[in-house]
Amino acid sequence: PSHAYAPEHLELHLRDPRPEDFVNAGAVFVGAYSPVSLGDYLAGSNHVLPTGGQPRYAAGLSAATFLRPQQVIVYDREALRAAHDDIVALAVAEALPAHGEAVTARFADLSAGE
């Protein structure tokens, strides 16, 4: 049930606590001697946590929150040629033909004998 609720704070009072099984919580406090107030005031854990079920997809505020990751992809001609058929097959399966054509067009000279 806690996975669906995705609480901001979750205290585990279990005989065999496994915090790794409770990933949909902003912060997990394990055992009778780890109250939420410990995390809020002294333990050093993050105090700016997602609420309203957001721990299902969001983490607490951190330096990473202010970074903007960027994906950089670099293929050469031979690498793209090796991936050509797979990309076209996926584009056809998704009914997005222009995605496949964007790859095929780069090899138009192949039909002319390259």
PDB file of N, CA and C in Angstrom:
ATOM      1  N   PRO A   1       0.799  -1.210   0.000  1.00  0.00           N
ATOM      2  CA  PRO A   1       0.000   0.000   0.000  1.00  0.00           C
ATOM      3  C   PRO A   1       0.845   1.280   0.000  1.00  0.00           C
ATOM      4  N   SER A   2       2.015   1.282   0.655  1.00  0.00           N
ATOM      5  CA  SER A   2       2.796   2.514   0.682  1.00  0.00           C
ATOM      6  C   SER A   2       3.339   2.871  -0.701  1.00  0.00           C
ATOM      7  N   HIS A   3       3.551   1.883  -1.553  1.00  0.00           N
ATOM      8  CA  HIS A   3       4.030   2.174  -2.909  1.00  0.00           C
ATOM      9  C   HIS A   3       3.019   3.032  -3.662  1.00  0.00           C
ATOM     10  N   ALA A   4       1.751   2.712  -3.528  1.00  0.00           N
ATOM     11  CA  ALA A   4       0.702   3.467  -4.222  1.00  0.00           C
ATOM     12  C   ALA A   4       0.531   4.853  -3.612  1.00  0.00           C
ATOM     13  N   TYR A   5       0.637   4.946  -2.306  1.00  0.00           N
ATOM     14  CA  TYR A   5       0.467   6.224  -1.613  1.00  0.00           C
ATOM     15  C   TYR A   5       1.678   7.133  -1.812  1.00  0.00           C
ATOM     16  N   ALA A   6       2.868   6.547  -1.896  1.00  0.00           N
ATOM     17  CA  ALA A   6       4.128   7.278  -2.090  1.00  0.00           C
ATOM     18  C   ALA A   6       4.269   8.423  -1.082  1.00  0.00           C
ATOM     19  N   PRO A   7       4.456   8.092   0.195  1.00  0.00           N
ATOM     20  CA  PRO A   7       4.517   9.133   1.223  1.00  0.00           C
ATOM     21  C   PRO A   7       5.796   9.962   1.181  1.00  0.00           C
ATOM     22  N   GLU A   8       5.695  11.141   1.722  1.00  0.00           N
ATOM     23  CA  GLU A   8       6.876  12.000   1.883  1.00  0.00           C
ATOM     24  C   GLU A   8       7.852  11.339   2.856  1.00  0.00           C
ATOM     25  N   HIS A   9       7.346  10.868   3.986  1.00  0.00           N
ATOM     26  CA  HIS A   9       8.137  10.178   5.006  1.00  0.00           C
ATOM     27  C   HIS A   9       7.526   8.807   5.244  1.00  0.00           C
ATOM     28  N   LEU A  10       8.372   7.803   5.423  1.00  0.00           N
ATOM     29  CA  LEU A  10       7.890   6.454   5.720  1.00  0.00           C
ATOM     30  C   LEU A  10       8.743   5.874   6.839  1.00  0.00           C
ATOM     31  N   GLU A  11       8.103   5.518   7.938  1.00  0.00           N
ATOM     32  CA  GLU A  11       8.800   4.848   9.032  1.00  0.00           C
ATOM     33  C   GLU A  11       8.542   3.357   8.921  1.00  0.00           C
ATOM     34  N   LEU A  12       9.605   2.563   8.953  1.00  0.00           N
ATOM     35  CA  LEU A  12       9.485   1.105   8.902  1.00  0.00           C
ATOM     36  C   LEU A  12       9.707   0.534  10.292  1.00  0.00           C
ATOM     37  N   HIS A  13       8.661   0.017  10.873  1.00  0.00           N
ATOM     38  CA  HIS A  13       8.734  -0.644  12.168  1.00  0.00           C
ATOM     39  C   HIS A  13       8.451  -2.121  11.914  1.00  0.00           C
ATOM     40  N   LEU A  14       9.438  -2.806  11.379  1.00  0.00           N
ATOM     41  CA  LEU A  14       9.295  -4.191  10.974  1.00  0.00           C
ATOM     42  C   LEU A  14      10.388  -5.041  11.608  1.00  0.00           C
ATOM     43  N   ARG A  15      10.095  -6.298  11.767  1.00  0.00           N
ATOM     44  CA  ARG A  15      11.077  -7.225  12.337  1.00  0.00           C
ATOM     45  C   ARG A  15      12.293  -7.345  11.404  1.00  0.00           C
ATOM     46  N   ASP A  16      12.040  -7.395  10.111  1.00  0.00           N
ATOM     47  CA  ASP A  16      13.113  -7.504   9.112  1.00  0.00           C
ATOM     48  C   ASP A  16      12.945  -6.388   8.085  1.00  0.00           C
ATOM     49  N   PRO A  17      13.320  -5.160   8.442  1.00  0.00           N
ATOM     50  CA  PRO A  17      13.104  -4.040   7.515  1.00  0.00           C
ATOM     51  C   PRO A  17      14.023  -4.154   6.299  1.00  0.00           C
ATOM     52  N   ARG A  18      13.471  -3.870   5.157  1.00  0.00           N
ATOM     53  CA  ARG A  18      14.238  -3.866   3.911  1.00  0.00           C
ATOM     54  C   ARG A  18      13.916  -2.561   3.186  1.00  0.00           C
ATOM     55  N   PRO A  19      14.589  -1.475   3.538  1.00  0.00           N
ATOM     56  CA  PRO A  19      14.264  -0.180   2.945  1.00  0.00           C
ATOM     57  C   PRO A  19      14.356  -0.181   1.417  1.00  0.00           C
ATOM     58  N   GLU A  20      15.187  -1.040   0.847  1.00  0.00           N
ATOM     59  CA  GLU A  20      15.311  -1.095  -0.610  1.00  0.00           C
ATOM     60  C   GLU A  20      14.020  -1.564  -1.289  1.00  0.00           C
ATOM     61  N   ASP A  21      13.106  -2.156  -0.510  1.00  0.00           N
ATOM     62  CA  ASP A  21      11.814  -2.580  -1.050  1.00  0.00           C
ATOM     63  C   ASP A  21      10.782  -1.452  -1.027  1.00  0.00           C
ATOM     64  N   PHE A  22      11.135  -0.322  -0.451  1.00  0.00           N
ATOM     65  CA  PHE A  22      10.197   0.798  -0.317  1.00  0.00           C
ATOM     66  C   PHE A  22      10.747   2.008  -1.057  1.00  0.00           C
ATOM     67  N   VAL A  23      10.786   1.912  -2.368  1.00  0.00           N
ATOM     68  CA  VAL A  23      11.410   2.973  -3.156  1.00  0.00           C
ATOM     69  C   VAL A  23      10.486   4.167  -3.406  1.00  0.00           C
ATOM     70  N   ASN A  24       9.191   4.015  -3.201  1.00  0.00           N
ATOM     71  CA  ASN A  24       8.264   5.107  -3.445  1.00  0.00           C
ATOM     72  C   ASN A  24       7.993   5.897  -2.169  1.00  0.00           C
ATOM     73  N   ALA A  25       9.039   6.446  -1.604  1.00  0.00           N
ATOM     74  CA  ALA A  25       8.923   7.311  -0.433  1.00  0.00           C
ATOM     75  C   ALA A  25      10.015   8.365  -0.535  1.00  0.00           C
ATOM     76  N   GLY A  26       9.700   9.566  -0.079  1.00  0.00           N
ATOM     77  CA  GLY A  26      10.702  10.623  -0.107  1.00  0.00           C
ATOM     78  C   GLY A  26      11.891  10.321   0.788  1.00  0.00           C
ATOM     79  N   ALA A  27      11.610   9.824   1.992  1.00  0.00           N
ATOM     80  CA  ALA A  27      12.655   9.413   2.937  1.00  0.00           C
ATOM     81  C   ALA A  27      12.120   8.219   3.719  1.00  0.00           C
ATOM     82  N   VAL A  28      12.990   7.259   3.969  1.00  0.00           N
ATOM     83  CA  VAL A  28      12.609   6.053   4.700  1.00  0.00           C
ATOM     84  C   VAL A  28      13.379   6.027   6.017  1.00  0.00           C
ATOM     85  N   PHE A  29      12.652   5.913   7.110  1.00  0.00           N
ATOM     86  CA  PHE A  29      13.226   5.876   8.457  1.00  0.00           C
ATOM     87  C   PHE A  29      13.067   4.459   8.988  1.00  0.00           C
ATOM     88  N   VAL A  30      14.174   3.827   9.326  1.00  0.00           N
ATOM     89  CA  VAL A  30      14.175   2.407   9.657  1.00  0.00           C
ATOM     90  C   VAL A  30      14.333   2.184  11.150  1.00  0.00           C
ATOM     91  N   GLY A  31      13.320   1.559  11.742  1.00  0.00           N
ATOM     92  CA  GLY A  31      13.390   1.134  13.137  1.00  0.00           C
ATOM     93  C   GLY A  31      12.840   2.134  14.129  1.00  0.00           C
ATOM     94  N   ALA A  32      12.691   1.643  15.348  1.00  0.00           N
ATOM     95  CA  ALA A  32      12.074   2.421  16.424  1.00  0.00           C
ATOM     96  C   ALA A  32      12.894   3.649  16.826  1.00  0.00           C
ATOM     97  N   TYR A  33      14.166   3.675  16.501  1.00  0.00           N
ATOM     98  CA  TYR A  33      15.019   4.778  16.934  1.00  0.00           C
ATOM     99  C   TYR A  33      15.408   5.707  15.777  1.00  0.00           C
ATOM    100  N   SER A  34      14.587   5.690  14.740  1.00  0.00           N
ATOM    101  CA  SER A  34      14.817   6.564  13.582  1.00  0.00           C
ATOM    102  C   SER A  34      13.530   7.318  13.242  1.00  0.00           C
ATOM    103  N   PRO A  35      13.094   8.216  14.131  1.00  0.00           N
ATOM    104  CA  PRO A  35      11.854   8.959  13.856  1.00  0.00           C
ATOM    105  C   PRO A  35      12.063  10.019  12.769  1.00  0.00           C
ATOM    106  N   VAL A  36      10.992  10.440  12.159  1.00  0.00           N
ATOM    107  CA  VAL A  36      11.025  11.469  11.119  1.00  0.00           C
ATOM    108  C   VAL A  36      11.718  12.730  11.632  1.00  0.00           C
ATOM    109  N   SER A  37      11.478  13.106  12.867  1.00  0.00           N
ATOM    110  CA  SER A  37      12.097  14.325  13.408  1.00  0.00           C
ATOM    111  C   SER A  37      13.618  14.226  13.417  1.00  0.00           C
ATOM    112  N   LEU A  38      14.170  13.029  13.536  1.00  0.00           N
ATOM    113  CA  LEU A  38      15.616  12.852  13.453  1.00  0.00           C
ATOM    114  C   LEU A  38      16.111  13.298  12.077  1.00  0.00           C
ATOM    115  N   GLY A  39      15.402  12.876  11.037  1.00  0.00           N
ATOM    116  CA  GLY A  39      15.770  13.285   9.684  1.00  0.00           C
ATOM    117  C   GLY A  39      15.543  14.760   9.437  1.00  0.00           C
ATOM    118  N   ASP A  40      14.472  15.294   9.997  1.00  0.00           N
ATOM    119  CA  ASP A  40      14.175  16.704   9.790  1.00  0.00           C
ATOM    120  C   ASP A  40      15.201  17.625  10.442  1.00  0.00           C
ATOM    121  N   TYR A  41      15.706  17.226  11.599  1.00  0.00           N
ATOM    122  CA  TYR A  41      16.535  18.151  12.372  1.00  0.00           C
ATOM    123  C   TYR A  41      18.012  17.819  12.494  1.00  0.00           C
ATOM    124  N   LEU A  42      18.397  16.540  12.433  1.00  0.00           N
ATOM    125  CA  LEU A  42      19.759  16.246  12.834  1.00  0.00           C
ATOM    126  C   LEU A  42      20.504  15.242  11.967  1.00  0.00           C
ATOM    127  N   ALA A  43      19.862  14.268  11.389  1.00  0.00           N
ATOM    128  CA  ALA A  43      20.559  13.160  10.731  1.00  0.00           C
ATOM    129  C   ALA A  43      21.278  13.565   9.451  1.00  0.00           C
ATOM    130  N   GLY A  44      20.908  14.692   8.885  1.00  0.00           N
ATOM    131  CA  GLY A  44      21.562  15.141   7.667  1.00  0.00           C
ATOM    132  C   GLY A  44      20.859  14.704   6.398  1.00  0.00           C
ATOM    133  N   SER A  45      19.751  14.025   6.537  1.00  0.00           N
ATOM    134  CA  SER A  45      18.995  13.648   5.344  1.00  0.00           C
ATOM    135  C   SER A  45      18.295  14.876   4.777  1.00  0.00           C
ATOM    136  N   ASN A  46      17.834  14.758   3.572  1.00  0.00           N
ATOM    137  CA  ASN A  46      17.197  15.878   2.896  1.00  0.00           C
ATOM    138  C   ASN A  46      15.878  16.218   3.583  1.00  0.00           C
ATOM    139  N   HIS A  47      15.638  17.483   3.776  1.00  0.00           N
ATOM    140  CA  HIS A  47      14.393  17.924   4.403  1.00  0.00           C
ATOM    141  C   HIS A  47      13.413  18.469   3.358  1.00  0.00           C
ATOM    142  N   VAL A  48      13.880  18.666   2.140  1.00  0.00           N
ATOM    143  CA  VAL A  48      13.005  19.162   1.072  1.00  0.00           C
ATOM    144  C   VAL A  48      12.646  17.957   0.210  1.00  0.00           C
ATOM    145  N   LEU A  49      11.516  17.335   0.543  1.00  0.00           N
ATOM    146  CA  LEU A  49      11.109  16.080  -0.076  1.00  0.00           C
ATOM    147  C   LEU A  49       9.842  16.249  -0.905  1.00  0.00           C
ATOM    148  N   PRO A  50       9.664  15.409  -1.903  1.00  0.00           N
ATOM    149  CA  PRO A  50       8.436  15.476  -2.694  1.00  0.00           C
ATOM    150  C   PRO A  50       7.232  15.032  -1.867  1.00  0.00           C
ATOM    151  N   THR A  51       6.092  15.614  -2.151  1.00  0.00           N
ATOM    152  CA  THR A  51       4.856  15.299  -1.424  1.00  0.00           C
ATOM    153  C   THR A  51       3.763  14.925  -2.426  1.00  0.00           C
ATOM    154  N   GLY A  52       2.594  14.626  -1.927  1.00  0.00           N
ATOM    155  CA  GLY A  52       1.436  14.387  -2.780  1.00  0.00           C
ATOM    156  C   GLY A  52       1.592  13.231  -3.749  1.00  0.00           C
ATOM    157  N   GLY A  53       2.288  12.181  -3.340  1.00  0.00           N
ATOM    158  CA  GLY A  53       2.480  11.026  -4.207  1.00  0.00           C
ATOM    159  C   GLY A  53       3.635  11.164  -5.185  1.00  0.00           C
ATOM    160  N   GLN A  54       4.293  12.309  -5.197  1.00  0.00           N
ATOM    161  CA  GLN A  54       5.396  12.531  -6.135  1.00  0.00           C
ATOM    162  C   GLN A  54       6.607  11.626  -5.907  1.00  0.00           C
ATOM    163  N   PRO A  55       6.824  11.060  -4.711  1.00  0.00           N
ATOM    164  CA  PRO A  55       7.971  10.156  -4.573  1.00  0.00           C
ATOM    165  C   PRO A  55       7.931   8.948  -5.520  1.00  0.00           C
ATOM    166  N   ARG A  56       6.799   8.718  -6.185  1.00  0.00           N
ATOM    167  CA  ARG A  56       6.763   7.654  -7.199  1.00  0.00           C
ATOM    168  C   ARG A  56       7.699   7.969  -8.358  1.00  0.00           C
ATOM    169  N   TYR A  57       7.961   9.259  -8.629  1.00  0.00           N
ATOM    170  CA  TYR A  57       8.783   9.616  -9.784  1.00  0.00           C
ATOM    171  C   TYR A  57       9.795  10.727  -9.513  1.00  0.00           C
ATOM    172  N   ALA A  58       9.802  11.298  -8.325  1.00  0.00           N
ATOM    173  CA  ALA A  58      10.698  12.416  -8.044  1.00  0.00           C
ATOM    174  C   ALA A  58      11.471  12.171  -6.750  1.00  0.00           C
ATOM    175  N   ALA A  59      12.654  12.754  -6.683  1.00  0.00           N
ATOM    176  CA  ALA A  59      13.497  12.644  -5.490  1.00  0.00           C
ATOM    177  C   ALA A  59      13.487  13.968  -4.737  1.00  0.00           C
ATOM    178  N   GLY A  60      14.103  13.965  -3.574  1.00  0.00           N
ATOM    179  CA  GLY A  60      14.230  15.192  -2.802  1.00  0.00           C
ATOM    180  C   GLY A  60      15.134  16.197  -3.496  1.00  0.00           C
ATOM    181  N   LEU A  61      15.003  17.446  -3.090  1.00  0.00           N
ATOM    182  CA  LEU A  61      15.804  18.522  -3.650  1.00  0.00           C
ATOM    183  C   LEU A  61      17.280  18.247  -3.403  1.00  0.00           C
ATOM    184  N   SER A  62      18.093  18.443  -4.424  1.00  0.00           N
ATOM    185  CA  SER A  62      19.541  18.275  -4.291  1.00  0.00           C
ATOM    186  C   SER A  62      20.226  19.172  -5.306  1.00  0.00           C
ATOM    187  N   ALA A  63      21.537  19.162  -5.299  1.00  0.00           N
ATOM    188  CA  ALA A  63      22.276  19.945  -6.298  1.00  0.00           C
ATOM    189  C   ALA A  63      21.911  19.493  -7.704  1.00  0.00           C
ATOM    190  N   ALA A  64      21.601  18.204  -7.878  1.00  0.00           N
ATOM    191  CA  ALA A  64      21.232  17.682  -9.193  1.00  0.00           C
ATOM    192  C   ALA A  64      19.953  18.326  -9.719  1.00  0.00           C
ATOM    193  N   THR A  65      19.096  18.802  -8.825  1.00  0.00           N
ATOM    194  CA  THR A  65      17.857  19.462  -9.239  1.00  0.00           C
ATOM    195  C   THR A  65      18.152  20.678 -10.118  1.00  0.00           C
ATOM    196  N   PHE A  66      19.275  21.311  -9.892  1.00  0.00           N
ATOM    197  CA  PHE A  66      19.605  22.539 -10.603  1.00  0.00           C
ATOM    198  C   PHE A  66      20.520  22.312 -11.799  1.00  0.00           C
ATOM    199  N   LEU A  67      20.795  21.063 -12.104  1.00  0.00           N
ATOM    200  CA  LEU A  67      21.599  20.732 -13.270  1.00  0.00           C
ATOM    201  C   LEU A  67      20.679  20.351 -14.420  1.00  0.00           C
ATOM    202  N   ARG A  68      21.133  20.551 -15.611  1.00  0.00           N
ATOM    203  CA  ARG A  68      20.354  20.175 -16.783  1.00  0.00           C
ATOM    204  C   ARG A  68      21.165  19.176 -17.585  1.00  0.00           C
ATOM    205  N   PRO A  69      20.925  17.892 -17.341  1.00  0.00           N
ATOM    206  CA  PRO A  69      21.679  16.884 -18.090  1.00  0.00           C
ATOM    207  C   PRO A  69      21.337  16.953 -19.577  1.00  0.00           C
ATOM    208  N   GLN A  70      22.296  16.647 -20.399  1.00  0.00           N
ATOM    209  CA  GLN A  70      22.082  16.669 -21.838  1.00  0.00           C
ATOM    210  C   GLN A  70      22.640  15.382 -22.432  1.00  0.00           C
ATOM    211  N   GLN A  71      21.902  14.801 -23.356  1.00  0.00           N
ATOM    212  CA  GLN A  71      22.333  13.595 -24.040  1.00  0.00           C
ATOM    213  C   GLN A  71      23.107  14.002 -25.290  1.00  0.00           C
ATOM    214  N   VAL A  72      24.285  13.446 -25.491  1.00  0.00           N
ATOM    215  CA  VAL A  72      25.079  13.726 -26.685  1.00  0.00           C
ATOM    216  C   VAL A  72      25.336  12.396 -27.382  1.00  0.00           C
ATOM    217  N   ILE A  73      24.903  12.293 -28.631  1.00  0.00           N
ATOM    218  CA  ILE A  73      25.039  11.061 -29.393  1.00  0.00           C
ATOM    219  C   ILE A  73      25.944  11.328 -30.577  1.00  0.00           C
ATOM    220  N   VAL A  74      26.986  10.508 -30.751  1.00  0.00           N
ATOM    221  CA  VAL A  74      27.909  10.656 -31.874  1.00  0.00           C
ATOM    222  C   VAL A  74      28.105   9.279 -32.513  1.00  0.00           C
ATOM    223  N   TYR A  75      27.631   9.125 -33.724  1.00  0.00           N
ATOM    224  CA  TYR A  75      27.851   7.911 -34.516  1.00  0.00           C
ATOM    225  C   TYR A  75      28.616   8.299 -35.761  1.00  0.00           C
ATOM    226  N   ASP A  76      29.435   7.405 -36.279  1.00  0.00           N
ATOM    227  CA  ASP A  76      30.004   7.637 -37.599  1.00  0.00           C
ATOM    228  C   ASP A  76      29.146   6.883 -38.615  1.00  0.00           C
ATOM    229  N   ARG A  77      29.485   7.014 -39.877  1.00  0.00           N
ATOM    230  CA  ARG A  77      28.679   6.416 -40.946  1.00  0.00           C
ATOM    231  C   ARG A  77      28.507   4.907 -40.759  1.00  0.00           C
ATOM    232  N   GLU A  78      29.584   4.230 -40.441  1.00  0.00           N
ATOM    233  CA  GLU A  78      29.516   2.767 -40.304  1.00  0.00           C
ATOM    234  C   GLU A  78      28.653   2.347 -39.116  1.00  0.00           C
ATOM    235  N   ALA A  79      28.719   3.087 -38.026  1.00  0.00           N
ATOM    236  CA  ALA A  79      27.894   2.760 -36.860  1.00  0.00           C
ATOM    237  C   ALA A  79      26.420   2.955 -37.171  1.00  0.00           C
ATOM    238  N   LEU A  80      26.093   4.051 -37.886  1.00  0.00           N
ATOM    239  CA  LEU A  80      24.701   4.271 -38.263  1.00  0.00           C
ATOM    240  C   LEU A  80      24.233   3.224 -39.263  1.00  0.00           C
ATOM    241  N   ARG A  81      25.110   2.849 -40.166  1.00  0.00           N
ATOM    242  CA  ARG A  81      24.748   1.811 -41.131  1.00  0.00           C
ATOM    243  C   ARG A  81      24.428   0.506 -40.398  1.00  0.00           C
ATOM    244  N   ALA A  82      25.189   0.177 -39.379  1.00  0.00           N
ATOM    245  CA  ALA A  82      24.950  -1.051 -38.611  1.00  0.00           C
ATOM    246  C   ALA A  82      23.615  -1.006 -37.874  1.00  0.00           C
ATOM    247  N   ALA A  83      23.177   0.185 -37.492  1.00  0.00           N
ATOM    248  CA  ALA A  83      21.918   0.341 -36.754  1.00  0.00           C
ATOM    249  C   ALA A  83      20.728   0.593 -37.668  1.00  0.00           C
ATOM    250  N   HIS A  84      20.976   0.842 -38.959  1.00  0.00           N
ATOM    251  CA  HIS A  84      19.938   1.244 -39.913  1.00  0.00           C
ATOM    252  C   HIS A  84      18.698   0.358 -39.877  1.00  0.00           C
ATOM    253  N   ASP A  85      18.864  -0.932 -40.081  1.00  0.00           N
ATOM    254  CA  ASP A  85      17.707  -1.825 -40.179  1.00  0.00           C
ATOM    255  C   ASP A  85      16.899  -1.864 -38.886  1.00  0.00           C
ATOM    256  N   ASP A  86      17.585  -1.828 -37.753  1.00  0.00           N
ATOM    257  CA  ASP A  86      16.872  -1.841 -36.468  1.00  0.00           C
ATOM    258  C   ASP A  86      16.067  -0.556 -36.274  1.00  0.00           C
ATOM    259  N   ILE A  87      16.649   0.569 -36.641  1.00  0.00           N
ATOM    260  CA  ILE A  87      15.935   1.841 -36.504  1.00  0.00           C
ATOM    261  C   ILE A  87      14.710   1.865 -37.409  1.00  0.00           C
ATOM    262  N   VAL A  88      14.870   1.433 -38.641  1.00  0.00           N
ATOM    263  CA  VAL A  88      13.748   1.407 -39.580  1.00  0.00           C
ATOM    264  C   VAL A  88      12.656   0.470 -39.064  1.00  0.00           C
ATOM    265  N   ALA A  89      13.042  -0.698 -38.553  1.00  0.00           N
ATOM    266  CA  ALA A  89      12.053  -1.649 -38.028  1.00  0.00           C
ATOM    267  C   ALA A  89      11.269  -1.035 -36.864  1.00  0.00           C
ATOM    268  N   LEU A  90      11.953  -0.350 -35.965  1.00  0.00           N
ATOM    269  CA  LEU A  90      11.266   0.297 -34.839  1.00  0.00           C
ATOM    270  C   LEU A  90      10.362   1.425 -35.328  1.00  0.00           C
ATOM    271  N   ALA A  91      10.822   2.193 -36.296  1.00  0.00           N
ATOM    272  CA  ALA A  91      10.016   3.289 -36.839  1.00  0.00           C
ATOM    273  C   ALA A  91       8.737   2.748 -37.486  1.00  0.00           C
ATOM    274  N   VAL A  92       8.862   1.644 -38.213  1.00  0.00           N
ATOM    275  CA  VAL A  92       7.687   1.024 -38.831  1.00  0.00           C
ATOM    276  C   VAL A  92       6.741   0.521 -37.744  1.00  0.00           C
ATOM    277  N   ALA A  93       7.284  -0.143 -36.724  1.00  0.00           N
ATOM    278  CA  ALA A  93       6.451  -0.683 -35.639  1.00  0.00           C
ATOM    279  C   ALA A  93       5.709   0.419 -34.896  1.00  0.00           C
ATOM    280  N   GLU A  94       6.324   1.599 -34.795  1.00  0.00           N
ATOM    281  CA  GLU A  94       5.684   2.711 -34.090  1.00  0.00           C
ATOM    282  C   GLU A  94       4.848   3.595 -35.031  1.00  0.00           C
ATOM    283  N   ALA A  95       4.784   3.218 -36.297  1.00  0.00           N
ATOM    284  CA  ALA A  95       4.070   4.017 -37.302  1.00  0.00           C
ATOM    285  C   ALA A  95       4.602   5.453 -37.364  1.00  0.00           C
ATOM    286  N   LEU A  96       5.921   5.560 -37.314  1.00  0.00           N
ATOM    287  CA  LEU A  96       6.604   6.850 -37.427  1.00  0.00           C
ATOM    288  C   LEU A  96       7.607   6.758 -38.578  1.00  0.00           C
ATOM    289  N   PRO A  97       7.113   6.688 -39.811  1.00  0.00           N
ATOM    290  CA  PRO A  97       8.001   6.422 -40.944  1.00  0.00           C
ATOM    291  C   PRO A  97       9.107   7.454 -41.132  1.00  0.00           C
ATOM    292  N   ALA A  98       8.867   8.688 -40.788  1.00  0.00           N
ATOM    293  CA  ALA A  98       9.902   9.714 -40.980  1.00  0.00           C
ATOM    294  C   ALA A  98      11.145   9.432 -40.136  1.00  0.00           C
ATOM    295  N   HIS A  99      10.970   8.754 -39.005  1.00  0.00           N
ATOM    296  CA  HIS A  99      12.137   8.396 -38.193  1.00  0.00           C
ATOM    297  C   HIS A  99      13.045   7.450 -38.979  1.00  0.00           C
ATOM    298  N   GLY A 100      12.445   6.485 -39.627  1.00  0.00           N
ATOM    299  CA  GLY A 100      13.224   5.562 -40.451  1.00  0.00           C
ATOM    300  C   GLY A 100      13.810   6.253 -41.669  1.00  0.00           C
ATOM    301  N   GLU A 101      13.013   7.105 -42.296  1.00  0.00           N
ATOM    302  CA  GLU A 101      13.474   7.825 -43.482  1.00  0.00           C
ATOM    303  C   GLU A 101      14.647   8.749 -43.167  1.00  0.00           C
ATOM    304  N   ALA A 102      14.701   9.275 -41.952  1.00  0.00           N
ATOM    305  CA  ALA A 102      15.813  10.152 -41.563  1.00  0.00           C
ATOM    306  C   ALA A 102      17.138   9.392 -41.592  1.00  0.00           C
ATOM    307  N   VAL A 103      17.085   8.096 -41.373  1.00  0.00           N
ATOM    308  CA  VAL A 103      18.292   7.273 -41.457  1.00  0.00           C
ATOM    309  C   VAL A 103      18.525   6.827 -42.896  1.00  0.00           C
ATOM    310  N   THR A 104      17.499   6.310 -43.535  1.00  0.00           N
ATOM    311  CA  THR A 104      17.620   5.808 -44.900  1.00  0.00           C
ATOM    312  C   THR A 104      18.128   6.891 -45.851  1.00  0.00           C
ATOM    313  N   ALA A 105      17.685   8.126 -45.682  1.00  0.00           N
ATOM    314  CA  ALA A 105      18.103   9.223 -46.557  1.00  0.00           C
ATOM    315  C   ALA A 105      19.607   9.458 -46.509  1.00  0.00           C
ATOM    316  N   ARG A 106      20.233   9.132 -45.420  1.00  0.00           N
ATOM    317  CA  ARG A 106      21.680   9.340 -45.298  1.00  0.00           C
ATOM    318  C   ARG A 106      22.474   8.310 -46.105  1.00  0.00           C
ATOM    319  N   PHE A 107      21.784   7.297 -46.595  1.00  0.00           N
ATOM    320  CA  PHE A 107      22.444   6.260 -47.371  1.00  0.00           C
ATOM    321  C   PHE A 107      21.872   6.169 -48.787  1.00  0.00           C
ATOM    322  N   ALA A 108      21.277   7.240 -49.258  1.00  0.00           N
ATOM    323  CA  ALA A 108      20.693   7.251 -50.609  1.00  0.00           C
ATOM    324  C   ALA A 108      21.731   6.931 -51.663  1.00  0.00           C
ATOM    325  N   ASP A 109      22.976   7.301 -51.406  1.00  0.00           N
ATOM    326  CA  ASP A 109      24.044   7.035 -52.373  1.00  0.00           C
ATOM    327  C   ASP A 109      24.381   5.558 -52.476  1.00  0.00           C
ATOM    328  N   LEU A 110      23.913   4.737 -51.555  1.00  0.00           N
ATOM    329  CA  LEU A 110      24.171   3.305 -51.615  1.00  0.00           C
ATOM    330  C   LEU A 110      23.531   2.673 -52.848  1.00  0.00           C
ATOM    331  N   SER A 111      22.363   3.175 -53.203  1.00  0.00           N
ATOM    332  CA  SER A 111      21.682   2.622 -54.360  1.00  0.00           C
ATOM    333  C   SER A 111      22.411   2.990 -55.661  1.00  0.00           C
ATOM    334  N   ALA A 112      23.264   4.020 -55.609  1.00  0.00           N
ATOM    335  CA  ALA A 112      24.028   4.428 -56.786  1.00  0.00           C
ATOM    336  C   ALA A 112      25.393   3.758 -56.825  1.00  0.00           C
ATOM    337  N   GLY A 113      25.610   2.776 -55.943  1.00  0.00           N
ATOM    338  CA  GLY A 113      26.872   2.056 -55.934  1.00  0.00           C
ATOM    339  C   GLY A 113      27.916   2.636 -55.009  1.00  0.00           C
ATOM    340  N   GLU A 114      27.582   3.688 -54.291  1.00  0.00           N
ATOM    341  CA  GLU A 114      28.436   4.364 -53.307  1.00  0.00           C
ATOM    342  C   GLU A 114      29.772   4.667 -53.938  1.00  0.00           C
TER     343      GLU A 114
END
